[in-house]
Amino acid sequence: MTAGIDRVASRYEKRYAEYFGSSGGTPFAIRAPDGSEKMLGQGPRRFTIAATDSRAMSALATLDRLVIAEAYLSGDIEIEGEIEPVVAHRNFFRDKHPMVTAWHMLWPKIHGQVRADAEFISHHYDIDADFFLSFLDKRHRCYSQGV
């Protein structure tokens, strides 16, 4: 393993023990851009968090939920395997931005739900169509929150 994966892996091993306890939990791996991996947990891996570059390794090293989510959305981090356990265990990653979370809840209360909804809807529909086509059906261009 490279020094980069060793540094990140030691943080993940500690967090894995804290989060899942002695009974163990969902087995997964983290992979550095050079292909070196560290397996966490026992049994068949459910997913692999793969870093595509040094920025992704830096993001993974933070164990910060927001930083890692942004790296995933920008394509620096890829998830291989099952996505459901990643989402189910999102609290494995720490929320180091409680004020941001609180602001998202307070903003509609301060400025009014109607205004907040209008801005959220506007933001959603102002996003370039190429973003949505990255995961929507190319032929029908539709999705449902119920699916």
C-alpha atoms as a PDB file:
ATOM      1  CA  MET A   1       0.000   0.000   0.000  1.00  0.00           C
ATOM      2  CA  THR A   2       1.148   3.532  -0.645  1.00  0.00           C
ATOM      3  CA  ALA A   3       1.655   6.131   2.058  1.00  0.00           C
ATOM      4  CA  GLY A   4      -1.543   7.888   0.929  1.00  0.00           C
ATOM      5  CA  ILE A   5      -3.738   4.842   1.414  1.00  0.00           C
ATOM      6  CA  ASP A   6      -2.033   4.049   4.733  1.00  0.00           C
ATOM      7  CA  ARG A   7      -2.814   7.513   6.115  1.00  0.00           C
ATOM      8  CA  VAL A   8      -6.442   7.404   4.975  1.00  0.00           C
ATOM      9  CA  ALA A   9      -6.878   3.736   5.956  1.00  0.00           C
ATOM     10  CA  SER A  10      -5.762   4.350   9.543  1.00  0.00           C
ATOM     11  CA  ARG A  11      -8.476   7.021   9.916  1.00  0.00           C
ATOM     12  CA  TYR A  12     -11.074   4.699   8.404  1.00  0.00           C
ATOM     13  CA  GLU A  13     -10.081   1.775  10.640  1.00  0.00           C
ATOM     14  CA  LYS A  14     -10.491   3.951  13.732  1.00  0.00           C
ATOM     15  CA  ARG A  15     -13.835   5.347  12.544  1.00  0.00           C
ATOM     16  CA  TYR A  16     -15.038   1.868  11.515  1.00  0.00           C
ATOM     17  CA  ALA A  17     -14.402   0.575  15.052  1.00  0.00           C
ATOM     18  CA  GLU A  18     -16.173   3.606  16.593  1.00  0.00           C
ATOM     19  CA  TYR A  19     -19.167   3.450  14.270  1.00  0.00           C
ATOM     20  CA  PHE A  20     -19.815  -0.297  14.089  1.00  0.00           C
ATOM     21  CA  GLY A  21     -18.345  -1.370  17.421  1.00  0.00           C
ATOM     22  CA  SER A  22     -16.914  -4.782  18.207  1.00  0.00           C
ATOM     23  CA  SER A  23     -19.713  -6.628  16.397  1.00  0.00           C
ATOM     24  CA  GLY A  24     -18.434  -5.334  13.070  1.00  0.00           C
ATOM     25  CA  GLY A  25     -20.532  -3.970  10.295  1.00  0.00           C
ATOM     26  CA  THR A  26     -20.849  -3.536   6.566  1.00  0.00           C
ATOM     27  CA  PRO A  27     -17.612  -4.632   4.877  1.00  0.00           C
ATOM     28  CA  PHE A  28     -16.238  -2.203   2.305  1.00  0.00           C
ATOM     29  CA  ALA A  29     -12.961  -1.115   0.774  1.00  0.00           C
ATOM     30  CA  ILE A  30     -11.297   2.171  -0.018  1.00  0.00           C
ATOM     31  CA  ARG A  31      -9.086   2.398  -3.097  1.00  0.00           C
ATOM     32  CA  ALA A  32      -6.364   4.918  -3.905  1.00  0.00           C
ATOM     33  CA  PRO A  33      -5.772   6.215  -7.444  1.00  0.00           C
ATOM     34  CA  ASP A  34      -2.766   3.870  -7.785  1.00  0.00           C
ATOM     35  CA  GLY A  35      -5.031   0.840  -7.203  1.00  0.00           C
ATOM     36  CA  SER A  36      -3.916   0.059  -3.641  1.00  0.00           C
ATOM     37  CA  GLU A  37      -6.824  -0.899  -1.405  1.00  0.00           C
ATOM     38  CA  LYS A  38      -7.720  -1.288   2.228  1.00  0.00           C
ATOM     39  CA  MET A  39     -10.552  -3.615   3.234  1.00  0.00           C
ATOM     40  CA  LEU A  40     -12.640  -2.743   6.284  1.00  0.00           C
ATOM     41  CA  GLY A  41     -14.795  -5.340   8.020  1.00  0.00           C
ATOM     42  CA  GLN A  42     -15.143  -9.071   7.506  1.00  0.00           C
ATOM     43  CA  GLY A  43     -16.926 -10.923   4.740  1.00  0.00           C
ATOM     44  CA  PRO A  44     -17.615 -10.076   1.129  1.00  0.00           C
ATOM     45  CA  ARG A  45     -17.304  -6.385   0.393  1.00  0.00           C
ATOM     46  CA  ARG A  46     -20.545  -4.562  -0.313  1.00  0.00           C
ATOM     47  CA  PHE A  47     -18.940  -1.579  -2.011  1.00  0.00           C
ATOM     48  CA  THR A  48     -15.667   0.167  -2.747  1.00  0.00           C
ATOM     49  CA  ILE A  49     -15.048   3.878  -2.378  1.00  0.00           C
ATOM     50  CA  ALA A  50     -12.570   4.608  -5.164  1.00  0.00           C
ATOM     51  CA  ALA A  51     -10.521   7.808  -5.277  1.00  0.00           C
ATOM     52  CA  THR A  52      -9.671   8.933  -8.807  1.00  0.00           C
ATOM     53  CA  ASP A  53      -6.964  11.461  -7.902  1.00  0.00           C
ATOM     54  CA  SER A  54      -5.097  13.140  -5.040  1.00  0.00           C
ATOM     55  CA  ARG A  55      -7.982  15.592  -4.439  1.00  0.00           C
ATOM     56  CA  ALA A  56     -10.257  12.616  -3.813  1.00  0.00           C
ATOM     57  CA  MET A  57      -7.755  11.123  -1.359  1.00  0.00           C
ATOM     58  CA  SER A  58      -7.653  14.450   0.486  1.00  0.00           C
ATOM     59  CA  ALA A  59     -11.463  14.506   0.595  1.00  0.00           C
ATOM     60  CA  LEU A  60     -11.608  10.933   1.889  1.00  0.00           C
ATOM     61  CA  ALA A  61      -9.040  11.726   4.574  1.00  0.00           C
ATOM     62  CA  THR A  62     -11.366  14.345   6.087  1.00  0.00           C
ATOM     63  CA  LEU A  63     -14.163  11.854   6.849  1.00  0.00           C
ATOM     64  CA  ASP A  64     -16.339  14.941   6.312  1.00  0.00           C
ATOM     65  CA  ARG A  65     -19.749  14.093   4.853  1.00  0.00           C
ATOM     66  CA  LEU A  66     -20.093  17.342   2.864  1.00  0.00           C
ATOM     67  CA  VAL A  67     -16.548  17.315   1.458  1.00  0.00           C
ATOM     68  CA  ILE A  68     -16.872  13.669   0.387  1.00  0.00           C
ATOM     69  CA  ALA A  69     -20.317  14.237  -1.149  1.00  0.00           C
ATOM     70  CA  GLU A  70     -18.979  17.179  -3.162  1.00  0.00           C
ATOM     71  CA  ALA A  71     -16.005  15.086  -4.339  1.00  0.00           C
ATOM     72  CA  TYR A  72     -18.433  12.340  -5.400  1.00  0.00           C
ATOM     73  CA  LEU A  73     -20.624  14.810  -7.289  1.00  0.00           C
ATOM     74  CA  SER A  74     -17.592  16.261  -9.078  1.00  0.00           C
ATOM     75  CA  GLY A  75     -16.464  12.766 -10.146  1.00  0.00           C
ATOM     76  CA  ASP A  76     -13.353  12.617  -7.956  1.00  0.00           C
ATOM     77  CA  ILE A  77     -14.793   9.714  -5.948  1.00  0.00           C
ATOM     78  CA  GLU A  78     -16.612   6.725  -7.410  1.00  0.00           C
ATOM     79  CA  ILE A  79     -18.717   4.102  -5.666  1.00  0.00           C
ATOM     80  CA  GLU A  80     -18.358   0.581  -7.008  1.00  0.00           C
ATOM     81  CA  GLY A  81     -20.840  -2.064  -5.925  1.00  0.00           C
ATOM     82  CA  GLU A  82     -24.014  -1.487  -3.929  1.00  0.00           C
ATOM     83  CA  ILE A  83     -25.020   2.132  -3.303  1.00  0.00           C
ATOM     84  CA  GLU A  84     -27.721   1.328  -0.694  1.00  0.00           C
ATOM     85  CA  PRO A  85     -25.300   0.483   2.145  1.00  0.00           C
ATOM     86  CA  VAL A  86     -23.356   3.679   1.447  1.00  0.00           C
ATOM     87  CA  VAL A  87     -26.515   5.745   1.875  1.00  0.00           C
ATOM     88  CA  ALA A  88     -27.692   3.684   4.843  1.00  0.00           C
ATOM     89  CA  HIS A  89     -24.407   4.345   6.653  1.00  0.00           C
ATOM     90  CA  ARG A  90     -23.951   7.993   5.666  1.00  0.00           C
ATOM     91  CA  ASN A  91     -23.536   8.810   9.375  1.00  0.00           C
ATOM     92  CA  PHE A  92     -20.251   6.901   9.198  1.00  0.00           C
ATOM     93  CA  PHE A  93     -18.996  10.207   7.828  1.00  0.00           C
ATOM     94  CA  ARG A  94     -19.140  13.120  10.216  1.00  0.00           C
ATOM     95  CA  ASP A  95     -21.140  16.294   9.681  1.00  0.00           C
ATOM     96  CA  LYS A  96     -18.505  18.924  10.411  1.00  0.00           C
ATOM     97  CA  HIS A  97     -20.748  21.718   9.194  1.00  0.00           C
ATOM     98  CA  PRO A  98     -23.651  21.833  11.666  1.00  0.00           C
ATOM     99  CA  MET A  99     -24.201  25.538  10.999  1.00  0.00           C
ATOM    100  CA  VAL A 100     -24.771  24.821   7.298  1.00  0.00           C
ATOM    101  CA  THR A 101     -27.282  22.109   8.195  1.00  0.00           C
ATOM    102  CA  ALA A 102     -28.995  24.419  10.683  1.00  0.00           C
ATOM    103  CA  TRP A 103     -29.098  27.243   8.124  1.00  0.00           C
ATOM    104  CA  HIS A 104     -30.854  25.027   5.572  1.00  0.00           C
ATOM    105  CA  MET A 105     -33.542  24.329   8.167  1.00  0.00           C
ATOM    106  CA  LEU A 106     -33.808  27.909   9.444  1.00  0.00           C
ATOM    107  CA  TRP A 107     -33.745  29.791   6.133  1.00  0.00           C
ATOM    108  CA  PRO A 108     -37.360  28.915   5.186  1.00  0.00           C
ATOM    109  CA  LYS A 109     -38.528  29.867   8.690  1.00  0.00           C
ATOM    110  CA  ILE A 110     -36.815  33.269   8.502  1.00  0.00           C
ATOM    111  CA  HIS A 111     -37.695  34.175   4.907  1.00  0.00           C
ATOM    112  CA  GLY A 112     -40.944  32.266   4.583  1.00  0.00           C
ATOM    113  CA  GLN A 113     -41.642  28.845   3.113  1.00  0.00           C
ATOM    114  CA  VAL A 114     -43.200  30.236  -0.099  1.00  0.00           C
ATOM    115  CA  ARG A 115     -40.108  32.304  -0.911  1.00  0.00           C
ATOM    116  CA  ALA A 116     -37.793  29.440   0.028  1.00  0.00           C
ATOM    117  CA  ASP A 117     -39.744  27.011  -2.160  1.00  0.00           C
ATOM    118  CA  ALA A 118     -39.643  29.442  -5.088  1.00  0.00           C
ATOM    119  CA  GLU A 119     -35.865  29.789  -4.779  1.00  0.00           C
ATOM    120  CA  PHE A 120     -35.300  26.039  -4.357  1.00  0.00           C
ATOM    121  CA  ILE A 121     -37.460  25.298  -7.408  1.00  0.00           C
ATOM    122  CA  SER A 122     -35.734  27.994  -9.442  1.00  0.00           C
ATOM    123  CA  HIS A 123     -32.316  26.629  -8.482  1.00  0.00           C
ATOM    124  CA  HIS A 124     -33.380  23.097  -9.397  1.00  0.00           C
ATOM    125  CA  TYR A 125     -34.676  24.033 -12.839  1.00  0.00           C
ATOM    126  CA  ASP A 126     -31.811  26.411 -13.649  1.00  0.00           C
ATOM    127  CA  ILE A 127     -29.357  23.489 -13.623  1.00  0.00           C
ATOM    128  CA  ASP A 128     -28.145  22.539 -17.086  1.00  0.00           C
ATOM    129  CA  ALA A 129     -30.048  19.628 -18.682  1.00  0.00           C
ATOM    130  CA  ASP A 130     -26.794  17.679 -19.186  1.00  0.00           C
ATOM    131  CA  PHE A 131     -26.633  17.115 -15.423  1.00  0.00           C
ATOM    132  CA  PHE A 132     -30.057  15.448 -15.367  1.00  0.00           C
ATOM    133  CA  LEU A 133     -29.341  13.454 -18.517  1.00  0.00           C
ATOM    134  CA  SER A 134     -26.404  11.857 -16.705  1.00  0.00           C
ATOM    135  CA  PHE A 135     -28.919   9.723 -14.773  1.00  0.00           C
ATOM    136  CA  LEU A 136     -32.291  10.092 -16.549  1.00  0.00           C
ATOM    137  CA  ASP A 137     -33.689   7.962 -19.320  1.00  0.00           C
ATOM    138  CA  LYS A 138     -32.269   9.438 -22.546  1.00  0.00           C
ATOM    139  CA  ARG A 139     -35.426   8.752 -24.522  1.00  0.00           C
ATOM    140  CA  HIS A 140     -38.112   9.931 -22.112  1.00  0.00           C
ATOM    141  CA  ARG A 141     -36.138  12.318 -19.868  1.00  0.00           C
ATOM    142  CA  CYS A 142     -38.293  11.680 -16.849  1.00  0.00           C
ATOM    143  CA  TYR A 143     -37.895  10.644 -13.250  1.00  0.00           C
ATOM    144  CA  SER A 144     -40.048  10.172 -10.206  1.00  0.00           C
ATOM    145  CA  GLN A 145     -39.266  10.705  -6.543  1.00  0.00           C
ATOM    146  CA  GLY A 146     -41.443   7.650  -5.915  1.00  0.00           C
ATOM    147  CA  VAL A 147     -39.064   5.295  -7.691  1.00  0.00           C
END
